[in-house]
Amino acid sequence: MAYKISDDCISCGACAAECPVGAIAEGDGKYEINADACLDCGACAATCPVDAPKAE
């Protein structure tokens, strides 16, 4: 089950820097996770200051 970034995202980029497979990229107003590439490792959620990445 891939992670998804909620609208709480503040576009700081912390999650993208921690993703081991580069599945996170800046989108329109917030960062987005490519569900097909996501490993469901939780590294993004662990580093996010506003808890925007959530397991779907």
PDB file of N, CA and C in Angstrom:
ATOM      1  N   MET A   1       0.847  -1.169   0.000  1.00  0.00           N
ATOM      2  CA  MET A   1       0.000   0.000   0.000  1.00  0.00           C
ATOM      3  C   MET A   1       0.899   1.242   0.000  1.00  0.00           C
ATOM      4  N   ALA A   2       0.779   2.065  -0.996  1.00  0.00           N
ATOM      5  CA  ALA A   2       1.623   3.251  -1.143  1.00  0.00           C
ATOM      6  C   ALA A   2       1.182   4.374  -0.215  1.00  0.00           C
ATOM      7  N   TYR A   3       2.104   5.265   0.052  1.00  0.00           N
ATOM      8  CA  TYR A   3       1.789   6.463   0.816  1.00  0.00           C
ATOM      9  C   TYR A   3       1.213   7.518  -0.112  1.00  0.00           C
ATOM     10  N   LYS A   4       0.445   8.427   0.455  1.00  0.00           N
ATOM     11  CA  LYS A   4      -0.108   9.553  -0.283  1.00  0.00           C
ATOM     12  C   LYS A   4       0.086  10.790   0.576  1.00  0.00           C
ATOM     13  N   ILE A   5       0.380  11.918  -0.054  1.00  0.00           N
ATOM     14  CA  ILE A   5       0.612  13.157   0.681  1.00  0.00           C
ATOM     15  C   ILE A   5      -0.679  13.960   0.747  1.00  0.00           C
ATOM     16  N   SER A   6      -1.069  14.315   1.960  1.00  0.00           N
ATOM     17  CA  SER A   6      -2.317  15.048   2.169  1.00  0.00           C
ATOM     18  C   SER A   6      -2.148  16.532   1.847  1.00  0.00           C
ATOM     19  N   ASP A   7      -3.263  17.237   1.893  1.00  0.00           N
ATOM     20  CA  ASP A   7      -3.245  18.680   1.644  1.00  0.00           C
ATOM     21  C   ASP A   7      -2.557  19.460   2.761  1.00  0.00           C
ATOM     22  N   ASP A   8      -2.150  18.778   3.836  1.00  0.00           N
ATOM     23  CA  ASP A   8      -1.409  19.428   4.917  1.00  0.00           C
ATOM     24  C   ASP A   8       0.023  19.765   4.506  1.00  0.00           C
ATOM     25  N   CYS A   9       0.471  19.246   3.370  1.00  0.00           N
ATOM     26  CA  CYS A   9       1.833  19.447   2.865  1.00  0.00           C
ATOM     27  C   CYS A   9       2.168  20.932   2.766  1.00  0.00           C
ATOM     28  N   ILE A  10       3.361  21.297   3.263  1.00  0.00           N
ATOM     29  CA  ILE A  10       3.822  22.685   3.201  1.00  0.00           C
ATOM     30  C   ILE A  10       4.926  22.867   2.160  1.00  0.00           C
ATOM     31  N   SER A  11       5.124  21.871   1.319  1.00  0.00           N
ATOM     32  CA  SER A  11       6.099  21.901   0.213  1.00  0.00           C
ATOM     33  C   SER A  11       7.522  22.211   0.671  1.00  0.00           C
ATOM     34  N   CYS A  12       7.927  21.611   1.772  1.00  0.00           N
ATOM     35  CA  CYS A  12       9.284  21.857   2.276  1.00  0.00           C
ATOM     36  C   CYS A  12      10.322  20.970   1.588  1.00  0.00           C
ATOM     37  N   GLY A  13       9.884  19.819   1.032  1.00  0.00           N
ATOM     38  CA  GLY A  13      10.795  18.927   0.331  1.00  0.00           C
ATOM     39  C   GLY A  13      11.517  17.920   1.200  1.00  0.00           C
ATOM     40  N   ALA A  14      11.271  17.919   2.491  1.00  0.00           N
ATOM     41  CA  ALA A  14      11.960  16.986   3.391  1.00  0.00           C
ATOM     42  C   ALA A  14      11.679  15.537   3.001  1.00  0.00           C
ATOM     43  N   CYS A  15      10.468  15.253   2.609  1.00  0.00           N
ATOM     44  CA  CYS A  15      10.094  13.878   2.257  1.00  0.00           C
ATOM     45  C   CYS A  15      10.815  13.407   1.000  1.00  0.00           C
ATOM     46  N   ALA A  16      10.895  14.281   0.015  1.00  0.00           N
ATOM     47  CA  ALA A  16      11.549  13.918  -1.244  1.00  0.00           C
ATOM     48  C   ALA A  16      13.020  13.588  -1.025  1.00  0.00           C
ATOM     49  N   ALA A  17      13.662  14.324  -0.148  1.00  0.00           N
ATOM     50  CA  ALA A  17      15.080  14.089   0.134  1.00  0.00           C
ATOM     51  C   ALA A  17      15.309  12.744   0.814  1.00  0.00           C
ATOM     52  N   GLU A  18      14.321  12.235   1.534  1.00  0.00           N
ATOM     53  CA  GLU A  18      14.459  10.977   2.267  1.00  0.00           C
ATOM     54  C   GLU A  18      14.005   9.751   1.490  1.00  0.00           C
ATOM     55  N   CYS A  19      13.283   9.924   0.402  1.00  0.00           N
ATOM     56  CA  CYS A  19      12.750   8.775  -0.337  1.00  0.00           C
ATOM     57  C   CYS A  19      13.888   8.000  -1.006  1.00  0.00           C
ATOM     58  N   PRO A  20      14.043   6.705  -0.659  1.00  0.00           N
ATOM     59  CA  PRO A  20      15.155   5.926  -1.204  1.00  0.00           C
ATOM     60  C   PRO A  20      15.024   5.579  -2.689  1.00  0.00           C
ATOM     61  N   VAL A  21      13.827   5.719  -3.248  1.00  0.00           N
ATOM     62  CA  VAL A  21      13.634   5.374  -4.652  1.00  0.00           C
ATOM     63  C   VAL A  21      13.235   6.578  -5.505  1.00  0.00           C
ATOM     64  N   GLY A  22      13.244   7.765  -4.942  1.00  0.00           N
ATOM     65  CA  GLY A  22      12.922   8.971  -5.699  1.00  0.00           C
ATOM     66  C   GLY A  22      11.484   9.010  -6.187  1.00  0.00           C
ATOM     67  N   ALA A  23      10.563   8.468  -5.399  1.00  0.00           N
ATOM     68  CA  ALA A  23       9.156   8.401  -5.796  1.00  0.00           C
ATOM     69  C   ALA A  23       8.384   9.682  -5.511  1.00  0.00           C
ATOM     70  N   ILE A  24       9.040  10.678  -4.900  1.00  0.00           N
ATOM     71  CA  ILE A  24       8.347  11.904  -4.507  1.00  0.00           C
ATOM     72  C   ILE A  24       8.865  13.077  -5.321  1.00  0.00           C
ATOM     73  N   ALA A  25       7.926  13.836  -5.875  1.00  0.00           N
ATOM     74  CA  ALA A  25       8.283  15.006  -6.680  1.00  0.00           C
ATOM     75  C   ALA A  25       7.336  16.152  -6.358  1.00  0.00           C
ATOM     76  N   GLU A  26       7.809  17.359  -6.621  1.00  0.00           N
ATOM     77  CA  GLU A  26       6.988  18.533  -6.378  1.00  0.00           C
ATOM     78  C   GLU A  26       5.842  18.572  -7.383  1.00  0.00           C
ATOM     79  N   GLY A  27       4.647  18.723  -6.868  1.00  0.00           N
ATOM     80  CA  GLY A  27       3.457  18.790  -7.704  1.00  0.00           C
ATOM     81  C   GLY A  27       2.880  20.196  -7.680  1.00  0.00           C
ATOM     82  N   ASP A  28       1.618  20.304  -7.990  1.00  0.00           N
ATOM     83  CA  ASP A  28       0.930  21.585  -8.023  1.00  0.00           C
ATOM     84  C   ASP A  28       0.471  21.965  -6.621  1.00  0.00           C
ATOM     85  N   GLY A  29       1.283  22.735  -5.905  1.00  0.00           N
ATOM     86  CA  GLY A  29       0.926  23.191  -4.570  1.00  0.00           C
ATOM     87  C   GLY A  29       1.346  22.286  -3.437  1.00  0.00           C
ATOM     88  N   LYS A  30       1.767  21.068  -3.747  1.00  0.00           N
ATOM     89  CA  LYS A  30       2.250  20.140  -2.722  1.00  0.00           C
ATOM     90  C   LYS A  30       3.073  19.051  -3.402  1.00  0.00           C
ATOM     91  N   TYR A  31       3.789  18.297  -2.610  1.00  0.00           N
ATOM     92  CA  TYR A  31       4.557  17.175  -3.157  1.00  0.00           C
ATOM     93  C   TYR A  31       3.625  15.999  -3.401  1.00  0.00           C
ATOM     94  N   GLU A  32       3.998  15.136  -4.356  1.00  0.00           N
ATOM     95  CA  GLU A  32       3.187  13.980  -4.711  1.00  0.00           C
ATOM     96  C   GLU A  32       4.054  12.732  -4.750  1.00  0.00           C
ATOM     97  N   ILE A  33       3.458  11.606  -4.436  1.00  0.00           N
ATOM     98  CA  ILE A  33       4.161  10.325  -4.426  1.00  0.00           C
ATOM     99  C   ILE A  33       3.676   9.477  -5.596  1.00  0.00           C
ATOM    100  N   ASN A  34       4.626   8.949  -6.361  1.00  0.00           N
ATOM    101  CA  ASN A  34       4.307   8.017  -7.439  1.00  0.00           C
ATOM    102  C   ASN A  34       4.009   6.670  -6.783  1.00  0.00           C
ATOM    103  N   ALA A  35       2.738   6.292  -6.762  1.00  0.00           N
ATOM    104  CA  ALA A  35       2.309   5.068  -6.076  1.00  0.00           C
ATOM    105  C   ALA A  35       2.962   3.817  -6.649  1.00  0.00           C
ATOM    106  N   ASP A  36       3.266   3.812  -7.933  1.00  0.00           N
ATOM    107  CA  ASP A  36       3.881   2.643  -8.560  1.00  0.00           C
ATOM    108  C   ASP A  36       5.328   2.451  -8.110  1.00  0.00           C
ATOM    109  N   ALA A  37       5.993   3.530  -7.717  1.00  0.00           N
ATOM    110  CA  ALA A  37       7.389   3.448  -7.302  1.00  0.00           C
ATOM    111  C   ALA A  37       7.549   3.365  -5.780  1.00  0.00           C
ATOM    112  N   CYS A  38       6.528   3.761  -5.044  1.00  0.00           N
ATOM    113  CA  CYS A  38       6.589   3.786  -3.572  1.00  0.00           C
ATOM    114  C   CYS A  38       6.816   2.385  -3.012  1.00  0.00           C
ATOM    115  N   LEU A  39       7.776   2.280  -2.077  1.00  0.00           N
ATOM    116  CA  LEU A  39       8.093   1.010  -1.422  1.00  0.00           C
ATOM    117  C   LEU A  39       7.322   0.804  -0.129  1.00  0.00           C
ATOM    118  N   ASP A  40       6.547   1.807   0.296  1.00  0.00           N
ATOM    119  CA  ASP A  40       5.806   1.756   1.550  1.00  0.00           C
ATOM    120  C   ASP A  40       6.752   1.615   2.745  1.00  0.00           C
ATOM    121  N   CYS A  41       7.907   2.285   2.658  1.00  0.00           N
ATOM    122  CA  CYS A  41       8.907   2.170   3.722  1.00  0.00           C
ATOM    123  C   CYS A  41       8.656   3.133   4.880  1.00  0.00           C
ATOM    124  N   GLY A  42       7.941   4.230   4.625  1.00  0.00           N
ATOM    125  CA  GLY A  42       7.625   5.187   5.682  1.00  0.00           C
ATOM    126  C   GLY A  42       8.686   6.236   5.941  1.00  0.00           C
ATOM    127  N   ALA A  43       9.764   6.253   5.162  1.00  0.00           N
ATOM    128  CA  ALA A  43      10.823   7.244   5.376  1.00  0.00           C
ATOM    129  C   ALA A  43      10.282   8.666   5.217  1.00  0.00           C
ATOM    130  N   CYS A  44       9.374   8.859   4.284  1.00  0.00           N
ATOM    131  CA  CYS A  44       8.800  10.188   4.057  1.00  0.00           C
ATOM    132  C   CYS A  44       7.983  10.642   5.269  1.00  0.00           C
ATOM    133  N   ALA A  45       7.178   9.738   5.808  1.00  0.00           N
ATOM    134  CA  ALA A  45       6.335  10.072   6.950  1.00  0.00           C
ATOM    135  C   ALA A  45       7.175  10.386   8.183  1.00  0.00           C
ATOM    136  N   ALA A  46       8.271   9.678   8.335  1.00  0.00           N
ATOM    137  CA  ALA A  46       9.119   9.874   9.506  1.00  0.00           C
ATOM    138  C   ALA A  46       9.822  11.223   9.511  1.00  0.00           C
ATOM    139  N   THR A  47      10.033  11.807   8.342  1.00  0.00           N
ATOM    140  CA  THR A  47      10.775  13.060   8.262  1.00  0.00           C
ATOM    141  C   THR A  47       9.882  14.288   8.100  1.00  0.00           C
ATOM    142  N   CYS A  48       8.611  14.107   7.790  1.00  0.00           N
ATOM    143  CA  CYS A  48       7.707  15.229   7.517  1.00  0.00           C
ATOM    144  C   CYS A  48       7.365  16.004   8.790  1.00  0.00           C
ATOM    145  N   PRO A  49       7.566  17.331   8.784  1.00  0.00           N
ATOM    146  CA  PRO A  49       7.279  18.130   9.972  1.00  0.00           C
ATOM    147  C   PRO A  49       5.783  18.330  10.245  1.00  0.00           C
ATOM    148  N   VAL A  50       4.937  18.054   9.255  1.00  0.00           N
ATOM    149  CA  VAL A  50       3.494  18.252   9.455  1.00  0.00           C
ATOM    150  C   VAL A  50       2.683  16.957   9.258  1.00  0.00           C
ATOM    151  N   ASP A  51       3.349  15.815   9.232  1.00  0.00           N
ATOM    152  CA  ASP A  51       2.702  14.512   9.078  1.00  0.00           C
ATOM    153  C   ASP A  51       1.790  14.424   7.863  1.00  0.00           C
ATOM    154  N   ALA A  52       2.239  14.971   6.734  1.00  0.00           N
ATOM    155  CA  ALA A  52       1.419  14.952   5.521  1.00  0.00           C
ATOM    156  C   ALA A  52       1.390  13.589   4.820  1.00  0.00           C
ATOM    157  N   PRO A  53       2.509  12.842   4.737  1.00  0.00           N
ATOM    158  CA  PRO A  53       2.429  11.527   4.086  1.00  0.00           C
ATOM    159  C   PRO A  53       1.658  10.536   4.967  1.00  0.00           C
ATOM    160  N   LYS A  54       0.675   9.901   4.368  1.00  0.00           N
ATOM    161  CA  LYS A  54      -0.143   8.923   5.095  1.00  0.00           C
ATOM    162  C   LYS A  54      -0.203   7.636   4.290  1.00  0.00           C
ATOM    163  N   ALA A  55      -0.230   6.512   4.984  1.00  0.00           N
ATOM    164  CA  ALA A  55      -0.403   5.217   4.329  1.00  0.00           C
ATOM    165  C   ALA A  55      -1.829   5.136   3.816  1.00  0.00           C
ATOM    166  N   GLU A  56      -1.981   4.738   2.589  1.00  0.00           N
ATOM    167  CA  GLU A  56      -3.321   4.619   1.996  1.00  0.00           C
ATOM    168  C   GLU A  56      -3.764   3.186   2.033  1.00  0.00           C
TER     169      GLU A  56
END
